[in-house]
Amino acid sequence: VDWLVGALSALNDACGKKVAREMHGWLLQSEGQKTNRELVCVLVGAGLLSLSAGEYTVELLRLMDGGRGVQAVEFVVTVLQQVLIDKRHIGTQDCVALLDALSKIAGASRGKPPEAI
């Protein structure tokens, strides 16, 4: 997997970020892979997927549905824990919309936020 991600990253650099755009599109249209934790973490770590404001982030926010999409909330928490805290691939400025949504979900839960948060 590492060599494949390395090759995709090199292609992305050589092709003016076209590979990253294609990855965003593919991920958005792929229901099964859209919330694949391992895949998303690897792509974010390689710089092939952004968690800042963009179509993928908007889709994650839609799936979280203000906290009603529990699986999506758990997915986002797990991904952010890995790429933001554990591996430090990104900074908080790279995922502001997601952090803001999680904060609102936690605040709206009136003392008992979802377990993942």
C-alpha atoms as a PDB file:
ATOM      1  CA  VAL A   1       0.000   0.000   0.000  1.00  0.00           C
ATOM      2  CA  ASP A   2       2.815   2.415   0.868  1.00  0.00           C
ATOM      3  CA  TRP A   3       4.403   2.149  -2.575  1.00  0.00           C
ATOM      4  CA  LEU A   4       1.037   2.750  -4.252  1.00  0.00           C
ATOM      5  CA  VAL A   5       0.331   5.831  -2.139  1.00  0.00           C
ATOM      6  CA  GLY A   6       3.875   7.059  -2.815  1.00  0.00           C
ATOM      7  CA  ALA A   7       3.343   6.623  -6.550  1.00  0.00           C
ATOM      8  CA  LEU A   8      -0.006   8.447  -6.416  1.00  0.00           C
ATOM      9  CA  SER A   9       1.573  11.248  -4.411  1.00  0.00           C
ATOM     10  CA  ALA A  10       4.424  11.596  -6.916  1.00  0.00           C
ATOM     11  CA  LEU A  11       1.939  11.629  -9.800  1.00  0.00           C
ATOM     12  CA  ASN A  12      -0.099  14.247  -7.983  1.00  0.00           C
ATOM     13  CA  ASP A  13       2.956  16.486  -7.619  1.00  0.00           C
ATOM     14  CA  ALA A  14       3.931  15.985 -11.252  1.00  0.00           C
ATOM     15  CA  CYS A  15       0.431  16.576 -12.621  1.00  0.00           C
ATOM     16  CA  GLY A  16      -0.427  19.761 -10.768  1.00  0.00           C
ATOM     17  CA  LYS A  17      -2.674  18.187  -8.115  1.00  0.00           C
ATOM     18  CA  LYS A  18      -4.945  16.503 -10.672  1.00  0.00           C
ATOM     19  CA  VAL A  19      -4.635  13.152  -8.892  1.00  0.00           C
ATOM     20  CA  ALA A  20      -5.925  14.668  -5.649  1.00  0.00           C
ATOM     21  CA  ARG A  21      -8.922  16.122  -7.484  1.00  0.00           C
ATOM     22  CA  GLU A  22      -9.646  12.733  -9.042  1.00  0.00           C
ATOM     23  CA  MET A  23      -9.344  11.065  -5.615  1.00  0.00           C
ATOM     24  CA  HIS A  24     -11.874  13.537  -4.184  1.00  0.00           C
ATOM     25  CA  GLY A  25     -14.303  12.754  -6.995  1.00  0.00           C
ATOM     26  CA  TRP A  26     -13.812   9.008  -6.727  1.00  0.00           C
ATOM     27  CA  LEU A  27     -14.256   9.046  -2.969  1.00  0.00           C
ATOM     28  CA  LEU A  28     -17.435  11.136  -3.185  1.00  0.00           C
ATOM     29  CA  GLN A  29     -19.023   8.746  -5.671  1.00  0.00           C
ATOM     30  CA  SER A  30     -17.952   5.571  -3.894  1.00  0.00           C
ATOM     31  CA  GLU A  31     -20.493   4.829  -1.157  1.00  0.00           C
ATOM     32  CA  GLY A  32     -18.459   1.956   0.264  1.00  0.00           C
ATOM     33  CA  GLN A  33     -15.153   3.831   0.441  1.00  0.00           C
ATOM     34  CA  LYS A  34     -16.448   7.265   1.456  1.00  0.00           C
ATOM     35  CA  THR A  35     -16.155   6.329   5.128  1.00  0.00           C
ATOM     36  CA  ASN A  36     -13.318   3.804   4.939  1.00  0.00           C
ATOM     37  CA  ARG A  37     -11.181   4.927   7.893  1.00  0.00           C
ATOM     38  CA  GLU A  38      -7.927   3.352   6.738  1.00  0.00           C
ATOM     39  CA  LEU A  39      -8.225   4.673   3.195  1.00  0.00           C
ATOM     40  CA  VAL A  40      -9.144   8.201   4.248  1.00  0.00           C
ATOM     41  CA  CYS A  41      -6.330   8.368   6.824  1.00  0.00           C
ATOM     42  CA  VAL A  42      -3.759   7.170   4.276  1.00  0.00           C
ATOM     43  CA  LEU A  43      -4.967   9.641   1.647  1.00  0.00           C
ATOM     44  CA  VAL A  44      -4.952  12.556   4.111  1.00  0.00           C
ATOM     45  CA  GLY A  45      -1.466  11.583   5.304  1.00  0.00           C
ATOM     46  CA  ALA A  46      -0.184  11.524   1.717  1.00  0.00           C
ATOM     47  CA  GLY A  47      -1.728  14.908   0.959  1.00  0.00           C
ATOM     48  CA  LEU A  48      -4.126  13.372  -1.554  1.00  0.00           C
ATOM     49  CA  LEU A  49      -7.263  14.229   0.400  1.00  0.00           C
ATOM     50  CA  SER A  50      -8.062  17.449   2.199  1.00  0.00           C
ATOM     51  CA  LEU A  51     -10.346  17.742   5.211  1.00  0.00           C
ATOM     52  CA  SER A  52     -10.630  21.510   4.873  1.00  0.00           C
ATOM     53  CA  ALA A  53     -13.654  23.104   3.236  1.00  0.00           C
ATOM     54  CA  GLY A  54     -14.386  21.123   0.108  1.00  0.00           C
ATOM     55  CA  GLU A  55     -16.873  18.691  -1.368  1.00  0.00           C
ATOM     56  CA  TYR A  56     -15.687  15.748   0.744  1.00  0.00           C
ATOM     57  CA  THR A  57     -15.911  17.768   3.952  1.00  0.00           C
ATOM     58  CA  VAL A  58     -19.372  19.003   2.992  1.00  0.00           C
ATOM     59  CA  GLU A  59     -20.413  15.388   2.412  1.00  0.00           C
ATOM     60  CA  LEU A  60     -19.067  14.363   5.833  1.00  0.00           C
ATOM     61  CA  LEU A  61     -20.967  17.219   7.454  1.00  0.00           C
ATOM     62  CA  ARG A  62     -24.117  16.110   5.646  1.00  0.00           C
ATOM     63  CA  LEU A  63     -23.623  12.521   6.828  1.00  0.00           C
ATOM     64  CA  MET A  64     -23.055  13.674  10.422  1.00  0.00           C
ATOM     65  CA  ASP A  65     -26.427  15.453  10.226  1.00  0.00           C
ATOM     66  CA  GLY A  66     -25.948  17.528  13.365  1.00  0.00           C
ATOM     67  CA  GLY A  67     -25.153  14.419  15.425  1.00  0.00           C
ATOM     68  CA  ARG A  68     -27.992  12.249  14.135  1.00  0.00           C
ATOM     69  CA  GLY A  69     -25.606  10.360  11.840  1.00  0.00           C
ATOM     70  CA  VAL A  70     -23.856   8.545  14.666  1.00  0.00           C
ATOM     71  CA  GLN A  71     -21.718   6.349  12.398  1.00  0.00           C
ATOM     72  CA  ALA A  72     -20.485   9.398  10.492  1.00  0.00           C
ATOM     73  CA  VAL A  73     -19.708  11.231  13.760  1.00  0.00           C
ATOM     74  CA  GLU A  74     -17.715   8.216  14.972  1.00  0.00           C
ATOM     75  CA  PHE A  75     -15.937   8.041  11.610  1.00  0.00           C
ATOM     76  CA  VAL A  76     -14.936  11.722  11.723  1.00  0.00           C
ATOM     77  CA  VAL A  77     -13.761  11.470  15.336  1.00  0.00           C
ATOM     78  CA  THR A  78     -11.655   8.398  14.544  1.00  0.00           C
ATOM     79  CA  VAL A  79     -10.124   9.937  11.421  1.00  0.00           C
ATOM     80  CA  LEU A  80      -9.343  13.232  13.164  1.00  0.00           C
ATOM     81  CA  GLN A  81      -7.823  11.415  16.117  1.00  0.00           C
ATOM     82  CA  GLN A  82      -5.498   9.540  13.799  1.00  0.00           C
ATOM     83  CA  VAL A  83      -4.502  12.293  11.339  1.00  0.00           C
ATOM     84  CA  LEU A  84      -4.620  15.272  13.710  1.00  0.00           C
ATOM     85  CA  ILE A  85      -3.539  13.891  17.080  1.00  0.00           C
ATOM     86  CA  ASP A  86      -1.776  10.537  16.631  1.00  0.00           C
ATOM     87  CA  LYS A  87       0.110  11.043  13.349  1.00  0.00           C
ATOM     88  CA  ARG A  88       0.008  14.857  13.142  1.00  0.00           C
ATOM     89  CA  HIS A  89      -0.454  14.825   9.368  1.00  0.00           C
ATOM     90  CA  ILE A  90      -2.627  17.942   9.553  1.00  0.00           C
ATOM     91  CA  GLY A  91      -3.221  20.852  11.884  1.00  0.00           C
ATOM     92  CA  THR A  92      -6.453  22.200  13.294  1.00  0.00           C
ATOM     93  CA  GLN A  93      -6.535  24.813  10.519  1.00  0.00           C
ATOM     94  CA  ASP A  94      -6.915  21.931   8.039  1.00  0.00           C
ATOM     95  CA  CYS A  95     -10.177  20.657   9.523  1.00  0.00           C
ATOM     96  CA  VAL A  96     -11.905  23.680  11.043  1.00  0.00           C
ATOM     97  CA  ALA A  97     -15.370  22.871   9.666  1.00  0.00           C
ATOM     98  CA  LEU A  98     -15.281  19.325  11.043  1.00  0.00           C
ATOM     99  CA  LEU A  99     -14.003  20.422  14.451  1.00  0.00           C
ATOM    100  CA  ASP A 100     -16.656  23.134  14.582  1.00  0.00           C
ATOM    101  CA  ALA A 101     -19.401  20.626  13.748  1.00  0.00           C
ATOM    102  CA  LEU A 102     -18.173  18.219  16.440  1.00  0.00           C
ATOM    103  CA  SER A 103     -18.078  21.066  18.940  1.00  0.00           C
ATOM    104  CA  LYS A 104     -21.668  22.018  18.104  1.00  0.00           C
ATOM    105  CA  ILE A 105     -22.782  18.397  18.394  1.00  0.00           C
ATOM    106  CA  ALA A 106     -21.134  18.083  21.792  1.00  0.00           C
ATOM    107  CA  GLY A 107     -22.668  21.381  22.959  1.00  0.00           C
ATOM    108  CA  ALA A 108     -26.135  20.513  21.722  1.00  0.00           C
ATOM    109  CA  SER A 109     -26.206  17.184  23.489  1.00  0.00           C
ATOM    110  CA  ARG A 110     -26.878  18.887  26.842  1.00  0.00           C
ATOM    111  CA  GLY A 111     -24.307  17.270  29.048  1.00  0.00           C
ATOM    112  CA  LYS A 112     -24.123  13.856  27.362  1.00  0.00           C
ATOM    113  CA  PRO A 113     -22.285  14.093  24.037  1.00  0.00           C
ATOM    114  CA  PRO A 114     -22.153  11.048  21.769  1.00  0.00           C
ATOM    115  CA  GLU A 115     -19.693   8.456  23.034  1.00  0.00           C
ATOM    116  CA  ALA A 116     -17.209   9.079  20.213  1.00  0.00           C
ATOM    117  CA  ILE A 117     -16.842  12.764  21.090  1.00  0.00           C
END
